[in-house]
C-alpha atoms as a PDB file:
ATOM      1  CA  UNK A   1     -99.369 169.812 -44.134  1.00  0.00           C
ATOM      2  CA  UNK A   2    -100.978 167.106 -41.966  1.00  0.00           C
ATOM      3  CA  UNK A   3    -104.129 167.847 -39.979  1.00  0.00           C
ATOM      4  CA  UNK A   4    -105.503 166.224 -36.845  1.00  0.00           C
ATOM      5  CA  UNK A   5    -108.954 166.364 -35.319  1.00  0.00           C
ATOM      6  CA  UNK A   6    -109.533 166.971 -31.623  1.00  0.00           C
ATOM      7  CA  UNK A   7    -111.936 164.477 -30.016  1.00  0.00           C
ATOM      8  CA  UNK A   8    -114.782 165.363 -27.668  1.00  0.00           C
ATOM      9  CA  UNK A   9    -112.421 164.533 -24.783  1.00  0.00           C
ATOM     10  CA  UNK A  10    -109.761 166.914 -26.101  1.00  0.00           C
ATOM     11  CA  UNK A  11    -107.559 164.098 -27.373  1.00  0.00           C
ATOM     12  CA  UNK A  12    -105.390 164.479 -30.446  1.00  0.00           C
ATOM     13  CA  UNK A  13    -104.066 161.706 -32.669  1.00  0.00           C
ATOM     14  CA  UNK A  14    -100.820 162.678 -34.374  1.00  0.00           C
ATOM     15  CA  UNK A  15    -100.631 161.569 -38.012  1.00  0.00           C
ATOM     16  CA  UNK A  16     -98.430 158.505 -38.510  1.00  0.00           C
ATOM     17  CA  UNK A  17     -95.941 160.415 -40.690  1.00  0.00           C
ATOM     18  CA  UNK A  18     -95.327 162.858 -37.811  1.00  0.00           C
ATOM     19  CA  UNK A  19     -95.005 160.038 -35.238  1.00  0.00           C
ATOM     20  CA  UNK A  20     -92.460 158.264 -37.434  1.00  0.00           C
ATOM     21  CA  UNK A  21     -90.472 161.399 -38.222  1.00  0.00           C
ATOM     22  CA  UNK A  22     -90.087 162.351 -34.546  1.00  0.00           C
ATOM     23  CA  UNK A  23     -89.975 158.809 -33.155  1.00  0.00           C
ATOM     24  CA  UNK A  24     -93.110 159.266 -31.050  1.00  0.00           C
ATOM     25  CA  UNK A  25     -94.430 155.861 -30.077  1.00  0.00           C
ATOM     26  CA  UNK A  26     -96.903 154.304 -27.717  1.00  0.00           C
ATOM     27  CA  UNK A  27     -96.670 155.765 -24.188  1.00  0.00           C
ATOM     28  CA  UNK A  28     -94.364 158.550 -25.398  1.00  0.00           C
ATOM     29  CA  UNK A  29     -94.661 162.032 -23.927  1.00  0.00           C
ATOM     30  CA  UNK A  30     -94.669 165.408 -25.614  1.00  0.00           C
ATOM     31  CA  UNK A  31     -94.136 168.722 -23.889  1.00  0.00           C
ATOM     32  CA  UNK A  32     -96.780 171.309 -24.768  1.00  0.00           C
ATOM     33  CA  UNK A  33     -95.274 174.775 -25.090  1.00  0.00           C
ATOM     34  CA  UNK A  34     -97.687 177.702 -25.430  1.00  0.00           C
ATOM     35  CA  UNK A  35     -96.633 180.259 -28.036  1.00  0.00           C
ATOM     36  CA  UNK A  36     -98.145 183.600 -28.891  1.00  0.00           C
ATOM     37  CA  UNK A  37     -99.798 182.245 -32.030  1.00  0.00           C
ATOM     38  CA  UNK A  38    -100.317 178.575 -31.150  1.00  0.00           C
ATOM     39  CA  UNK A  39     -98.634 175.686 -29.387  1.00  0.00           C
ATOM     40  CA  UNK A  40     -95.498 173.665 -29.960  1.00  0.00           C
ATOM     41  CA  UNK A  41     -95.318 169.932 -29.242  1.00  0.00           C
ATOM     42  CA  UNK A  42     -91.835 168.721 -28.339  1.00  0.00           C
ATOM     43  CA  UNK A  43     -91.186 164.974 -27.994  1.00  0.00           C
ATOM     44  CA  UNK A  44     -89.528 164.214 -24.648  1.00  0.00           C
ATOM     45  CA  UNK A  45     -89.464 160.430 -24.724  1.00  0.00           C
ATOM     46  CA  UNK A  46     -85.684 160.205 -25.217  1.00  0.00           C
ATOM     47  CA  UNK A  47     -83.909 163.529 -24.891  1.00  0.00           C
ATOM     48  CA  UNK A  48     -85.453 164.757 -21.614  1.00  0.00           C
ATOM     49  CA  UNK A  49     -84.493 168.336 -20.791  1.00  0.00           C
ATOM     50  CA  UNK A  50     -82.261 168.472 -23.848  1.00  0.00           C
ATOM     51  CA  UNK A  51     -85.404 168.470 -25.987  1.00  0.00           C
ATOM     52  CA  UNK A  52     -86.101 171.994 -24.738  1.00  0.00           C
ATOM     53  CA  UNK A  53     -82.908 173.325 -26.282  1.00  0.00           C
ATOM     54  CA  UNK A  54     -83.717 176.393 -28.323  1.00  0.00           C
ATOM     55  CA  UNK A  55     -87.201 176.905 -26.874  1.00  0.00           C
ATOM     56  CA  UNK A  56     -86.087 179.926 -24.852  1.00  0.00           C
ATOM     57  CA  UNK A  57     -83.903 182.326 -26.780  1.00  0.00           C
ATOM     58  CA  UNK A  58     -80.762 183.276 -24.850  1.00  0.00           C
ATOM     59  CA  UNK A  59     -77.447 184.868 -25.720  1.00  0.00           C
ATOM     60  CA  UNK A  60     -74.493 182.481 -25.704  1.00  0.00           C
ATOM     61  CA  UNK A  61     -74.263 178.748 -25.166  1.00  0.00           C
ATOM     62  CA  UNK A  62     -76.692 176.721 -23.031  1.00  0.00           C
ATOM     63  CA  UNK A  63     -75.160 174.150 -20.690  1.00  0.00           C
ATOM     64  CA  UNK A  64     -78.013 171.694 -20.164  1.00  0.00           C
ATOM     65  CA  UNK A  65     -75.928 169.333 -18.032  1.00  0.00           C
ATOM     66  CA  UNK A  66     -75.173 172.166 -15.587  1.00  0.00           C
ATOM     67  CA  UNK A  67     -78.831 173.265 -15.592  1.00  0.00           C
ATOM     68  CA  UNK A  68     -80.005 169.701 -14.948  1.00  0.00           C
ATOM     69  CA  UNK A  69     -77.497 169.326 -12.108  1.00  0.00           C
ATOM     70  CA  UNK A  70     -78.735 172.584 -10.517  1.00  0.00           C
ATOM     71  CA  UNK A  71     -82.362 171.472 -10.764  1.00  0.00           C
ATOM     72  CA  UNK A  72     -81.569 168.072  -9.245  1.00  0.00           C
ATOM     73  CA  UNK A  73     -79.661 169.718  -6.373  1.00  0.00           C
ATOM     74  CA  UNK A  74     -82.553 172.128  -5.738  1.00  0.00           C
ATOM     75  CA  UNK A  75     -85.053 169.248  -5.669  1.00  0.00           C
ATOM     76  CA  UNK A  76     -82.814 167.326  -3.271  1.00  0.00           C
ATOM     77  CA  UNK A  77     -82.690 170.353  -0.925  1.00  0.00           C
ATOM     78  CA  UNK A  78     -86.500 170.685  -1.066  1.00  0.00           C
ATOM     79  CA  UNK A  79     -86.962 167.003  -0.178  1.00  0.00           C
ATOM     80  CA  UNK A  80     -84.703 167.156   2.864  1.00  0.00           C
END
């Protein structure tokens, strides 16, 4: 299991094997999800909202395209 040290500024360097496995490159983003017993880092550099699939347990199928459309429509209403 790889380890990483937190710097004095709170920065974390992910081990290269983890960066390669999850295709996390320079200027990539990760979503930080607090859990009861720790945190989960989810790469968001390519999949966007789809990378959150499975984070929240729900019954039935999740339609991320419909959810994204609803969020975009809500943002549009807020801006106008």
